[in-house]
Amino acid sequence: TTQKPDNLFIINKHSSGINWQYVFDAKYKIKSYCNE
Protein backbone atom coordinates (compact mmCIF):
# COMPACT_ATOMS: atom_id res chain seq x y z
CA THR A 1 0.00 0.00 0.00
CA THR A 2 1.04 3.63 -0.54
CA GLN A 3 3.06 5.12 2.31
CA LYS A 4 3.10 8.88 3.02
CA PRO A 5 5.16 9.82 6.07
CA ASP A 6 5.07 13.47 7.11
CA ASN A 7 8.80 14.06 6.76
CA LEU A 8 11.36 11.88 5.00
CA PHE A 9 14.96 12.87 5.72
CA ILE A 10 17.27 11.48 3.03
CA ILE A 11 21.06 11.47 3.11
CA ASN A 12 22.96 10.50 -0.02
CA LYS A 13 26.55 9.93 1.00
CA HIS A 14 28.56 10.30 -2.20
CA SER A 15 31.07 7.67 -1.10
CA SER A 16 28.35 4.99 -1.05
CA GLY A 17 25.80 6.22 -3.60
CA ILE A 18 22.96 5.05 -1.37
CA ASN A 19 19.95 7.08 -0.20
CA TRP A 20 19.81 6.51 3.56
CA GLN A 21 16.29 7.44 4.72
CA TYR A 22 14.81 8.46 8.07
CA VAL A 23 11.15 9.12 8.84
CA PHE A 24 10.16 11.96 11.19
CA ASP A 25 6.38 11.87 11.67
CA ALA A 26 4.62 14.75 13.45
CA LYS A 27 1.99 13.60 15.97
CA TYR A 28 0.33 16.15 18.21
CA LYS A 29 -1.29 13.67 20.63
CA ILE A 30 0.51 12.62 23.81
CA LYS A 31 -0.19 9.87 26.31
CA SER A 32 0.87 9.04 29.85
CA TYR A 33 2.33 5.59 30.43
CA CYS A 34 3.00 3.68 33.63
CA ASN A 35 4.84 0.37 33.84
CA GLU A 36 6.55 -1.59 36.59
PDB file of all heavy atoms in Angstrom:
ATOM      1  N   THR A   1       0.838  -1.206   0.000  1.00  0.00           N
ATOM      2  CA  THR A   1       0.000   0.000   0.000  1.00  0.00           C
ATOM      3  C   THR A   1       0.869   1.250   0.000  1.00  0.00           C
ATOM      4  O   THR A   1       2.024   1.227   0.440  1.00  0.00           O
ATOM      5  CB  THR A   1      -0.915   0.026   1.233  1.00  0.00           C
ATOM      6  OG1 THR A   1      -0.109  -0.031   2.431  1.00  0.00           O
ATOM      7  CG2 THR A   1      -1.871  -1.165   1.215  1.00  0.00           C
ATOM      8  N   THR A   2       0.310   2.363  -0.479  1.00  0.00           N
ATOM      9  CA  THR A   2       1.043   3.629  -0.539  1.00  0.00           C
ATOM     10  C   THR A   2       1.385   4.123   0.865  1.00  0.00           C
ATOM     11  O   THR A   2       0.555   4.087   1.769  1.00  0.00           O
ATOM     12  CB  THR A   2       0.205   4.694  -1.257  1.00  0.00           C
ATOM     13  OG1 THR A   2      -0.063   4.251  -2.589  1.00  0.00           O
ATOM     14  CG2 THR A   2       0.949   6.019  -1.312  1.00  0.00           C
ATOM     15  N   GLN A   3       2.613   4.572   1.029  1.00  0.00           N
ATOM     16  CA  GLN A   3       3.063   5.120   2.311  1.00  0.00           C
ATOM     17  C   GLN A   3       3.358   6.609   2.137  1.00  0.00           C
ATOM     18  O   GLN A   3       3.990   7.010   1.166  1.00  0.00           O
ATOM     19  CB  GLN A   3       4.322   4.390   2.784  1.00  0.00           C
ATOM     20  CG  GLN A   3       4.176   2.877   2.896  1.00  0.00           C
ATOM     21  CD  GLN A   3       3.135   2.459   3.901  1.00  0.00           C
ATOM     22  OE1 GLN A   3       3.032   3.033   4.983  1.00  0.00           O
ATOM     23  NE2 GLN A   3       2.338   1.450   3.557  1.00  0.00           N
ATOM     24  N   LYS A   4       2.891   7.433   3.106  1.00  0.00           N
ATOM     25  CA  LYS A   4       3.100   8.883   3.020  1.00  0.00           C
ATOM     26  C   LYS A   4       3.486   9.441   4.386  1.00  0.00           C
ATOM     27  O   LYS A   4       2.674  10.052   5.072  1.00  0.00           O
ATOM     28  CB  LYS A   4       1.836   9.572   2.492  1.00  0.00           C
ATOM     29  CG  LYS A   4       1.507   9.258   1.043  1.00  0.00           C
ATOM     30  CD  LYS A   4       0.262   9.989   0.582  1.00  0.00           C
ATOM     31  CE  LYS A   4       0.507  11.469   0.492  1.00  0.00           C
ATOM     32  NZ  LYS A   4      -0.658  12.217  -0.020  1.00  0.00           N
ATOM     33  N   PRO A   5       4.724   9.229   4.805  1.00  0.00           N
ATOM     34  CA  PRO A   5       5.161   9.821   6.070  1.00  0.00           C
ATOM     35  C   PRO A   5       5.184  11.341   5.978  1.00  0.00           C
ATOM     36  O   PRO A   5       5.323  11.902   4.886  1.00  0.00           O
ATOM     37  CB  PRO A   5       6.570   9.254   6.248  1.00  0.00           C
ATOM     38  CG  PRO A   5       7.027   8.929   4.857  1.00  0.00           C
ATOM     39  CD  PRO A   5       5.796   8.509   4.115  1.00  0.00           C
ATOM     40  N   ASP A   6       5.052  11.998   7.115  1.00  0.00           N
ATOM     41  CA  ASP A   6       5.066  13.468   7.111  1.00  0.00           C
ATOM     42  C   ASP A   6       6.380  14.010   6.564  1.00  0.00           C
ATOM     43  O   ASP A   6       6.401  14.836   5.654  1.00  0.00           O
ATOM     44  CB  ASP A   6       4.852  13.996   8.536  1.00  0.00           C
ATOM     45  CG  ASP A   6       3.453  13.740   9.044  1.00  0.00           C
ATOM     46  OD1 ASP A   6       2.548  13.550   8.215  1.00  0.00           O
ATOM     47  OD2 ASP A   6       3.266  13.716  10.276  1.00  0.00           O
ATOM     48  N   ASN A   7       7.484  13.554   7.145  1.00  0.00           N
ATOM     49  CA  ASN A   7       8.797  14.064   6.758  1.00  0.00           C
ATOM     50  C   ASN A   7       9.741  12.902   6.501  1.00  0.00           C
ATOM     51  O   ASN A   7       9.930  12.038   7.366  1.00  0.00           O
ATOM     52  CB  ASN A   7       9.389  14.943   7.872  1.00  0.00           C
ATOM     53  CG  ASN A   7       8.463  16.080   8.250  1.00  0.00           C
ATOM     54  OD1 ASN A   7       8.225  16.986   7.462  1.00  0.00           O
ATOM     55  ND2 ASN A   7       7.925  16.028   9.468  1.00  0.00           N
ATOM     56  N   LEU A   8      10.342  12.886   5.320  1.00  0.00           N
ATOM     57  CA  LEU A   8      11.356  11.883   4.999  1.00  0.00           C
ATOM     58  C   LEU A   8      12.685  12.607   4.842  1.00  0.00           C
ATOM     59  O   LEU A   8      12.841  13.480   3.976  1.00  0.00           O
ATOM     60  CB  LEU A   8      11.000  11.131   3.722  1.00  0.00           C
ATOM     61  CG  LEU A   8      11.831   9.868   3.456  1.00  0.00           C
ATOM     62  CD1 LEU A   8      11.577   8.827   4.543  1.00  0.00           C
ATOM     63  CD2 LEU A   8      11.511   9.280   2.092  1.00  0.00           C
ATOM     64  N   PHE A   9      13.629  12.259   5.703  1.00  0.00           N
ATOM     65  CA  PHE A   9      14.958  12.870   5.718  1.00  0.00           C
ATOM     66  C   PHE A   9      15.912  11.915   5.012  1.00  0.00           C
ATOM     67  O   PHE A   9      16.129  10.794   5.465  1.00  0.00           O
ATOM     68  CB  PHE A   9      15.392  13.107   7.168  1.00  0.00           C
ATOM     69  CG  PHE A   9      16.586  13.996   7.320  1.00  0.00           C
ATOM     70  CD1 PHE A   9      16.432  15.365   7.419  1.00  0.00           C
ATOM     71  CD2 PHE A   9      17.857  13.460   7.384  1.00  0.00           C
ATOM     72  CE1 PHE A   9      17.535  16.195   7.570  1.00  0.00           C
ATOM     73  CE2 PHE A   9      18.962  14.268   7.537  1.00  0.00           C
ATOM     74  CZ  PHE A   9      18.803  15.644   7.639  1.00  0.00           C
ATOM     75  N   ILE A  10      16.454  12.347   3.878  1.00  0.00           N
ATOM     76  CA  ILE A  10      17.265  11.476   3.029  1.00  0.00           C
ATOM     77  C   ILE A  10      18.700  12.005   2.973  1.00  0.00           C
ATOM     78  O   ILE A  10      18.928  13.189   2.721  1.00  0.00           O
ATOM     79  CB  ILE A  10      16.698  11.418   1.596  1.00  0.00           C
ATOM     80  CG1 ILE A  10      15.231  10.967   1.626  1.00  0.00           C
ATOM     81  CG2 ILE A  10      17.525  10.488   0.720  1.00  0.00           C
ATOM     82  CD1 ILE A  10      14.510  11.165   0.310  1.00  0.00           C
ATOM     83  N   ILE A  11      19.644  11.113   3.204  1.00  0.00           N
ATOM     84  CA  ILE A  11      21.058  11.474   3.107  1.00  0.00           C
ATOM     85  C   ILE A  11      21.702  10.602   2.040  1.00  0.00           C
ATOM     86  O   ILE A  11      21.709   9.372   2.153  1.00  0.00           O
ATOM     87  CB  ILE A  11      21.794  11.272   4.445  1.00  0.00           C
ATOM     88  CG1 ILE A  11      21.065  11.997   5.578  1.00  0.00           C
ATOM     89  CG2 ILE A  11      23.235  11.767   4.335  1.00  0.00           C
ATOM     90  CD1 ILE A  11      21.640  11.685   6.952  1.00  0.00           C
ATOM     91  N   ASN A  12      22.222  11.230   0.999  1.00  0.00           N
ATOM     92  CA  ASN A  12      22.960  10.504  -0.019  1.00  0.00           C
ATOM     93  C   ASN A  12      24.437  10.776   0.180  1.00  0.00           C
ATOM     94  O   ASN A  12      24.934  11.852  -0.127  1.00  0.00           O
ATOM     95  CB  ASN A  12      22.533  10.920  -1.432  1.00  0.00           C
ATOM     96  CG  ASN A  12      23.215  10.091  -2.512  1.00  0.00           C
ATOM     97  OD1 ASN A  12      24.407  10.219  -2.731  1.00  0.00           O
ATOM     98  ND2 ASN A  12      22.445   9.252  -3.173  1.00  0.00           N
ATOM     99  N   LYS A  13      25.111   9.797   0.756  1.00  0.00           N
ATOM    100  CA  LYS A  13      26.548   9.933   0.995  1.00  0.00           C
ATOM    101  C   LYS A  13      27.278   9.547  -0.294  1.00  0.00           C
ATOM    102  O   LYS A  13      27.172   8.409  -0.755  1.00  0.00           O
ATOM    103  CB  LYS A  13      26.973   9.061   2.169  1.00  0.00           C
ATOM    104  CG  LYS A  13      26.293   9.461   3.485  1.00  0.00           C
ATOM    105  CD  LYS A  13      26.750   8.583   4.638  1.00  0.00           C
ATOM    106  CE  LYS A  13      25.998   8.941   5.923  1.00  0.00           C
ATOM    107  NZ  LYS A  13      26.315  10.272   6.430  1.00  0.00           N
ATOM    108  N   HIS A  14      27.994  10.506  -0.866  1.00  0.00           N
ATOM    109  CA  HIS A  14      28.558  10.304  -2.205  1.00  0.00           C
ATOM    110  C   HIS A  14      29.535   9.137  -2.255  1.00  0.00           C
ATOM    111  O   HIS A  14      29.743   8.535  -3.295  1.00  0.00           O
ATOM    112  CB  HIS A  14      29.231  11.592  -2.695  1.00  0.00           C
ATOM    113  CG  HIS A  14      30.515  11.913  -1.993  1.00  0.00           C
ATOM    114  ND1 HIS A  14      30.557  12.483  -0.749  1.00  0.00           N
ATOM    115  CD2 HIS A  14      31.803  11.722  -2.361  1.00  0.00           C
ATOM    116  CE1 HIS A  14      31.819  12.653  -0.374  1.00  0.00           C
ATOM    117  NE2 HIS A  14      32.594  12.202  -1.331  1.00  0.00           N
ATOM    118  N   SER A  15      30.119   8.773  -1.115  1.00  0.00           N
ATOM    119  CA  SER A  15      31.073   7.666  -1.097  1.00  0.00           C
ATOM    120  C   SER A  15      30.386   6.305  -1.194  1.00  0.00           C
ATOM    121  O   SER A  15      31.035   5.300  -1.483  1.00  0.00           O
ATOM    122  CB  SER A  15      31.914   7.716   0.185  1.00  0.00           C
ATOM    123  OG  SER A  15      31.080   7.660   1.330  1.00  0.00           O
ATOM    124  N   SER A  16      29.059   6.268  -0.962  1.00  0.00           N
ATOM    125  CA  SER A  16      28.347   4.994  -1.047  1.00  0.00           C
ATOM    126  C   SER A  16      27.317   4.979  -2.169  1.00  0.00           C
ATOM    127  O   SER A  16      26.963   3.916  -2.684  1.00  0.00           O
ATOM    128  CB  SER A  16      27.626   4.701   0.283  1.00  0.00           C
ATOM    129  OG  SER A  16      26.548   5.607   0.489  1.00  0.00           O
ATOM    130  N   GLY A  17      26.808   6.159  -2.549  1.00  0.00           N
ATOM    131  CA  GLY A  17      25.800   6.224  -3.599  1.00  0.00           C
ATOM    132  C   GLY A  17      24.453   5.680  -3.182  1.00  0.00           C
ATOM    133  O   GLY A  17      23.617   5.349  -4.020  1.00  0.00           O
ATOM    134  N   ILE A  18      24.212   5.592  -1.893  1.00  0.00           N
ATOM    135  CA  ILE A  18      22.959   5.048  -1.368  1.00  0.00           C
ATOM    136  C   ILE A  18      22.160   6.158  -0.699  1.00  0.00           C
ATOM    137  O   ILE A  18      22.714   7.001  -0.004  1.00  0.00           O
ATOM    138  CB  ILE A  18      23.232   3.922  -0.350  1.00  0.00           C
ATOM    139  CG1 ILE A  18      23.989   2.768  -1.004  1.00  0.00           C
ATOM    140  CG2 ILE A  18      21.928   3.406   0.261  1.00  0.00           C
ATOM    141  CD1 ILE A  18      24.455   1.703  -0.036  1.00  0.00           C
ATOM    142  N   ASN A  19      20.838   6.155  -0.900  1.00  0.00           N
ATOM    143  CA  ASN A  19      19.953   7.075  -0.196  1.00  0.00           C
ATOM    144  C   ASN A  19      19.561   6.471   1.147  1.00  0.00           C
ATOM    145  O   ASN A  19      18.733   5.560   1.205  1.00  0.00           O
ATOM    146  CB  ASN A  19      18.699   7.366  -1.027  1.00  0.00           C
ATOM    147  CG  ASN A  19      18.969   8.322  -2.158  1.00  0.00           C
ATOM    148  OD1 ASN A  19      19.876   9.148  -2.100  1.00  0.00           O
ATOM    149  ND2 ASN A  19      18.192   8.224  -3.217  1.00  0.00           N
ATOM    150  N   TRP A  20      20.154   6.967   2.214  1.00  0.00           N
ATOM    151  CA  TRP A  20      19.807   6.512   3.557  1.00  0.00           C
ATOM    152  C   TRP A  20      18.625   7.357   4.038  1.00  0.00           C
ATOM    153  O   TRP A  20      18.714   8.582   4.071  1.00  0.00           O
ATOM    154  CB  TRP A  20      21.000   6.661   4.480  1.00  0.00           C
ATOM    155  CG  TRP A  20      22.257   6.056   3.943  1.00  0.00           C
ATOM    156  CD1 TRP A  20      23.214   6.693   3.195  1.00  0.00           C
ATOM    157  CD2 TRP A  20      22.700   4.703   4.069  1.00  0.00           C
ATOM    158  NE1 TRP A  20      24.226   5.824   2.873  1.00  0.00           N
ATOM    159  CE2 TRP A  20      23.942   4.598   3.397  1.00  0.00           C
ATOM    160  CE3 TRP A  20      22.176   3.574   4.708  1.00  0.00           C
ATOM    161  CZ2 TRP A  20      24.665   3.413   3.337  1.00  0.00           C
ATOM    162  CZ3 TRP A  20      22.898   2.387   4.645  1.00  0.00           C
ATOM    163  CH2 TRP A  20      24.118   2.320   3.971  1.00  0.00           C
ATOM    164  N   GLN A  21      17.525   6.723   4.430  1.00  0.00           N
ATOM    165  CA  GLN A  21      16.291   7.444   4.717  1.00  0.00           C
ATOM    166  C   GLN A  21      15.881   7.319   6.189  1.00  0.00           C
ATOM    167  O   GLN A  21      16.031   6.255   6.804  1.00  0.00           O
ATOM    168  CB  GLN A  21      15.166   6.922   3.826  1.00  0.00           C
ATOM    169  CG  GLN A  21      15.459   7.066   2.338  1.00  0.00           C
ATOM    170  CD  GLN A  21      14.343   6.506   1.477  1.00  0.00           C
ATOM    171  OE1 GLN A  21      13.565   5.671   1.915  1.00  0.00           O
ATOM    172  NE2 GLN A  21      14.271   6.955   0.239  1.00  0.00           N
ATOM    173  N   TYR A  22      15.318   8.419   6.699  1.00  0.00           N
ATOM    174  CA  TYR A  22      14.813   8.462   8.069  1.00  0.00           C
ATOM    175  C   TYR A  22      13.441   9.140   8.049  1.00  0.00           C
ATOM    176  O   TYR A  22      13.281  10.193   7.435  1.00  0.00           O
ATOM    177  CB  TYR A  22      15.753   9.252   8.985  1.00  0.00           C
ATOM    178  CG  TYR A  22      17.165   8.703   9.052  1.00  0.00           C
ATOM    179  CD1 TYR A  22      18.090   9.001   8.052  1.00  0.00           C
ATOM    180  CD2 TYR A  22      17.574   7.883  10.097  1.00  0.00           C
ATOM    181  CE1 TYR A  22      19.382   8.499   8.101  1.00  0.00           C
ATOM    182  CE2 TYR A  22      18.864   7.376  10.160  1.00  0.00           C
ATOM    183  CZ  TYR A  22      19.771   7.691   9.157  1.00  0.00           C
ATOM    184  OH  TYR A  22      21.035   7.194   9.206  1.00  0.00           O
ATOM    185  N   VAL A  23      12.489   8.538   8.740  1.00  0.00           N
ATOM    186  CA  VAL A  23      11.147   9.118   8.845  1.00  0.00           C
ATOM    187  C   VAL A  23      11.041   9.918  10.138  1.00  0.00           C
ATOM    188  O   VAL A  23      11.443   9.446  11.209  1.00  0.00           O
ATOM    189  CB  VAL A  23      10.068   8.010   8.828  1.00  0.00           C
ATOM    190  CG1 VAL A  23       8.688   8.599   9.155  1.00  0.00           C
ATOM    191  CG2 VAL A  23      10.039   7.306   7.479  1.00  0.00           C
ATOM    192  N   PHE A  24      10.490  11.147  10.030  1.00  0.00           N
ATOM    193  CA  PHE A  24      10.156  11.961  11.192  1.00  0.00           C
ATOM    194  C   PHE A  24       8.684  12.344  11.062  1.00  0.00           C
ATOM    195  O   PHE A  24       8.345  13.228  10.275  1.00  0.00           O
ATOM    196  CB  PHE A  24      11.038  13.209  11.266  1.00  0.00           C
ATOM    197  CG  PHE A  24      12.485  12.915  11.549  1.00  0.00           C
ATOM    198  CD1 PHE A  24      13.388  12.700  10.519  1.00  0.00           C
ATOM    199  CD2 PHE A  24      12.946  12.845  12.854  1.00  0.00           C
ATOM    200  CE1 PHE A  24      14.719  12.425  10.768  1.00  0.00           C
ATOM    201  CE2 PHE A  24      14.288  12.574  13.123  1.00  0.00           C
ATOM    202  CZ  PHE A  24      15.172  12.363  12.078  1.00  0.00           C
ATOM    203  N   ASP A  25       7.825  11.692  11.808  1.00  0.00           N
ATOM    204  CA  ASP A  25       6.384  11.875  11.672  1.00  0.00           C
ATOM    205  C   ASP A  25       5.855  12.750  12.806  1.00  0.00           C
ATOM    206  O   ASP A  25       6.096  12.456  13.991  1.00  0.00           O
ATOM    207  CB  ASP A  25       5.677  10.515  11.695  1.00  0.00           C
ATOM    208  CG  ASP A  25       4.666  10.373  10.569  1.00  0.00           C
ATOM    209  OD1 ASP A  25       4.962  10.842   9.464  1.00  0.00           O
ATOM    210  OD2 ASP A  25       3.594   9.792  10.796  1.00  0.00           O
ATOM    211  N   ALA A  26       5.156  13.818  12.453  1.00  0.00           N
ATOM    212  CA  ALA A  26       4.619  14.748  13.445  1.00  0.00           C
ATOM    213  C   ALA A  26       3.284  14.242  13.989  1.00  0.00           C
ATOM    214  O   ALA A  26       2.343  14.029  13.230  1.00  0.00           O
ATOM    215  CB  ALA A  26       4.439  16.133  12.822  1.00  0.00           C
ATOM    216  N   LYS A  27       3.219  14.044  15.312  1.00  0.00           N
ATOM    217  CA  LYS A  27       1.988  13.600  15.965  1.00  0.00           C
ATOM    218  C   LYS A  27       1.724  14.491  17.172  1.00  0.00           C
ATOM    219  O   LYS A  27       2.537  14.541  18.099  1.00  0.00           O
ATOM    220  CB  LYS A  27       2.089  12.132  16.405  1.00  0.00           C
ATOM    221  CG  LYS A  27       2.382  11.158  15.255  1.00  0.00           C
ATOM    222  CD  LYS A  27       1.239  11.129  14.248  1.00  0.00           C
ATOM    223  CE  LYS A  27       1.519  10.105  13.151  1.00  0.00           C
ATOM    224  NZ  LYS A  27       0.479  10.141  12.086  1.00  0.00           N
ATOM    225  N   TYR A  28       0.578  15.170  17.158  1.00  0.00           N
ATOM    226  CA  TYR A  28       0.328  16.154  18.207  1.00  0.00           C
ATOM    227  C   TYR A  28      -0.212  15.530  19.494  1.00  0.00           C
ATOM    228  O   TYR A  28      -0.165  16.137  20.555  1.00  0.00           O
ATOM    229  CB  TYR A  28      -0.646  17.223  17.693  1.00  0.00           C
ATOM    230  CG  TYR A  28      -0.634  18.475  18.538  1.00  0.00           C
ATOM    231  CD1 TYR A  28       0.480  19.315  18.533  1.00  0.00           C
ATOM    232  CD2 TYR A  28      -1.709  18.807  19.357  1.00  0.00           C
ATOM    233  CE1 TYR A  28       0.520  20.452  19.317  1.00  0.00           C
ATOM    234  CE2 TYR A  28      -1.679  19.943  20.135  1.00  0.00           C
ATOM    235  CZ  TYR A  28      -0.564  20.763  20.114  1.00  0.00           C
ATOM    236  OH  TYR A  28      -0.527  21.875  20.902  1.00  0.00           O
ATOM    237  N   LYS A  29      -0.728  14.293  19.434  1.00  0.00           N
ATOM    238  CA  LYS A  29      -1.285  13.666  20.626  1.00  0.00           C
ATOM    239  C   LYS A  29      -0.186  13.104  21.528  1.00  0.00           C
ATOM    240  O   LYS A  29       0.817  12.600  21.047  1.00  0.00           O
ATOM    241  CB  LYS A  29      -2.242  12.530  20.230  1.00  0.00           C
ATOM    242  CG  LYS A  29      -3.496  12.987  19.510  1.00  0.00           C
ATOM    243  CD  LYS A  29      -4.386  11.799  19.165  1.00  0.00           C
ATOM    244  CE  LYS A  29      -5.650  12.251  18.445  1.00  0.00           C
ATOM    245  NZ  LYS A  29      -6.520  11.092  18.083  1.00  0.00           N
ATOM    246  N   ILE A  30      -0.410  13.209  22.852  1.00  0.00           N
ATOM    247  CA  ILE A  30       0.511  12.620  23.812  1.00  0.00           C
ATOM    248  C   ILE A  30      -0.268  11.742  24.783  1.00  0.00           C
ATOM    249  O   ILE A  30      -1.477  11.897  24.950  1.00  0.00           O
ATOM    250  CB  ILE A  30       1.311  13.687  24.588  1.00  0.00           C
ATOM    251  CG1 ILE A  30       0.378  14.594  25.393  1.00  0.00           C
ATOM    252  CG2 ILE A  30       2.165  14.519  23.653  1.00  0.00           C
ATOM    253  CD1 ILE A  30       1.124  15.582  26.270  1.00  0.00           C
ATOM    254  N   LYS A  31       0.448  10.818  25.401  1.00  0.00           N
ATOM    255  CA  LYS A  31      -0.188   9.867  26.305  1.00  0.00           C
ATOM    256  C   LYS A  31       0.722   9.602  27.500  1.00  0.00           C
ATOM    257  O   LYS A  31       1.945   9.584  27.361  1.00  0.00           O
ATOM    258  CB  LYS A  31      -0.472   8.553  25.561  1.00  0.00           C
ATOM    259  CG  LYS A  31      -1.138   7.489  26.398  1.00  0.00           C
ATOM    260  CD  LYS A  31      -1.383   6.219  25.583  1.00  0.00           C
ATOM    261  CE  LYS A  31      -2.033   5.141  26.434  1.00  0.00           C
ATOM    262  NZ  LYS A  31      -2.292   3.891  25.659  1.00  0.00           N
ATOM    263  N   SER A  32       0.110   9.395  28.657  1.00  0.00           N
ATOM    264  CA  SER A  32       0.872   9.040  29.855  1.00  0.00           C
ATOM    265  C   SER A  32       0.937   7.524  29.974  1.00  0.00           C
ATOM    266  O   SER A  32      -0.073   6.826  29.797  1.00  0.00           O
ATOM    267  CB  SER A  32       0.206   9.628  31.103  1.00  0.00           C
ATOM    268  OG  SER A  32       0.246  11.037  31.068  1.00  0.00           O
ATOM    269  N   TYR A  33       2.126   7.020  30.279  1.00  0.00           N
ATOM    270  CA  TYR A  33       2.330   5.591  30.433  1.00  0.00           C
ATOM    271  C   TYR A  33       2.823   5.299  31.848  1.00  0.00           C
ATOM    272  O   TYR A  33       3.501   6.124  32.466  1.00  0.00           O
ATOM    273  CB  TYR A  33       3.372   5.072  29.443  1.00  0.00           C
ATOM    274  CG  TYR A  33       2.972   5.179  27.998  1.00  0.00           C
ATOM    275  CD1 TYR A  33       3.197   6.351  27.272  1.00  0.00           C
ATOM    276  CD2 TYR A  33       2.367   4.119  27.345  1.00  0.00           C
ATOM    277  CE1 TYR A  33       2.837   6.456  25.944  1.00  0.00           C
ATOM    278  CE2 TYR A  33       1.998   4.204  26.000  1.00  0.00           C
ATOM    279  CZ  TYR A  33       2.240   5.383  25.320  1.00  0.00           C
ATOM    280  OH  TYR A  33       1.874   5.478  24.000  1.00  0.00           O
ATOM    281  N   CYS A  34       2.513   4.113  32.321  1.00  0.00           N
ATOM    282  CA  CYS A  34       2.998   3.675  33.630  1.00  0.00           C
ATOM    283  C   CYS A  34       3.265   2.184  33.555  1.00  0.00           C
ATOM    284  O   CYS A  34       2.358   1.399  33.234  1.00  0.00           O
ATOM    285  CB  CYS A  34       1.978   3.993  34.719  1.00  0.00           C
ATOM    286  SG  CYS A  34       2.577   3.627  36.388  1.00  0.00           S
ATOM    287  N   ASN A  35       4.510   1.790  33.802  1.00  0.00           N
ATOM    288  CA  ASN A  35       4.840   0.370  33.839  1.00  0.00           C
ATOM    289  C   ASN A  35       5.485   0.040  35.178  1.00  0.00           C
ATOM    290  O   ASN A  35       5.528   0.879  36.093  1.00  0.00           O
ATOM    291  CB  ASN A  35       5.738  -0.017  32.662  1.00  0.00           C
ATOM    292  CG  ASN A  35       7.007   0.803  32.599  1.00  0.00           C
ATOM    293  OD1 ASN A  35       7.541   1.209  33.636  1.00  0.00           O
ATOM    294  ND2 ASN A  35       7.515   1.047  31.402  1.00  0.00           N
ATOM    295  N   GLU A  36       6.013  -1.162  35.301  1.00  0.00           N
ATOM    296  CA  GLU A  36       6.545  -1.591  36.590  1.00  0.00           C
ATOM    297  C   GLU A  36       7.809  -0.838  36.978  1.00  0.00           C
ATOM    298  O   GLU A  36       8.189  -0.814  38.156  1.00  0.00           O
ATOM    299  CB  GLU A  36       6.844  -3.088  36.549  1.00  0.00           C
ATOM    300  CG  GLU A  36       7.799  -3.500  35.442  1.00  0.00           C
ATOM    301  CD  GLU A  36       7.980  -5.000  35.361  1.00  0.00           C
ATOM    302  OE1 GLU A  36       7.124  -5.735  35.900  1.00  0.00           O
ATOM    303  OE2 GLU A  36       8.977  -5.437  34.747  1.00  0.00           O
TER     304      GLU A  36
END
